[in-house]
Protein backbone atom coordinates (compact mmCIF):
# COMPACT_ATOMS: atom_id res chain seq x y z
CA MET A 1 -0.17 -0.15 -0.03
CA LYS A 2 2.92 2.44 0.68
CA ASP A 3 4.18 1.51 -2.81
CA TYR A 4 1.18 2.51 -4.38
CA SER A 5 0.83 5.72 -2.68
CA ALA A 6 4.27 6.67 -3.79
CA TYR A 7 3.01 6.35 -7.12
CA ILE A 8 0.30 8.99 -6.84
CA PHE A 9 2.55 11.21 -4.85
CA LEU A 10 5.86 11.54 -6.78
CA PRO A 11 4.12 12.57 -10.25
CA ARG A 12 2.06 14.94 -8.30
CA LEU A 13 4.98 16.35 -6.71
CA ILE A 14 7.03 16.43 -9.88
CA PHE A 15 4.78 18.18 -11.65
CA THR A 16 3.94 20.74 -8.56
CA LEU A 17 8.06 21.37 -8.93
CA ALA A 18 7.64 21.86 -12.68
CA VAL A 19 4.68 24.50 -12.52
CA LYS A 20 6.70 26.10 -9.81
CA ALA A 21 9.94 26.38 -11.72
CA ARG A 22 7.98 27.90 -14.84
CA THR A 23 6.45 30.57 -12.92
CA ILE A 24 9.49 31.69 -11.36
CA ARG A 25 11.13 31.63 -14.93
CA LEU A 26 8.50 33.42 -16.29
CA VAL A 27 8.47 36.16 -13.50
CA PHE A 28 12.31 36.53 -13.96
CA SER A 29 12.41 36.91 -17.66
CA ALA A 30 9.31 39.25 -17.27
CA GLN A 31 11.70 41.65 -14.36
CA ASN A 32 14.59 41.52 -16.94
CA SER A 33 12.43 42.21 -20.16
CA ALA A 34 11.30 45.37 -17.77
CA VAL A 35 14.77 45.99 -16.55
CA THR A 36 16.27 46.22 -20.51
CA GLU A 37 13.08 48.61 -21.23
CA ALA A 38 13.84 50.74 -18.70
CA ASN A 39 17.60 51.38 -19.81
C-alpha cells in the first residue's frame, strides 16, 4: 500500500515543482525585460 501511494505522490510532486519552476522563470524573464526596457 505504501508503494502504491508513492506512485500517486511522486508524479504530483514533480508536476508541482515543474509548475513552480516555470512560474519563477516567467517572473524572472518579465523582470529582465522590464529592466532592459527601463534602460
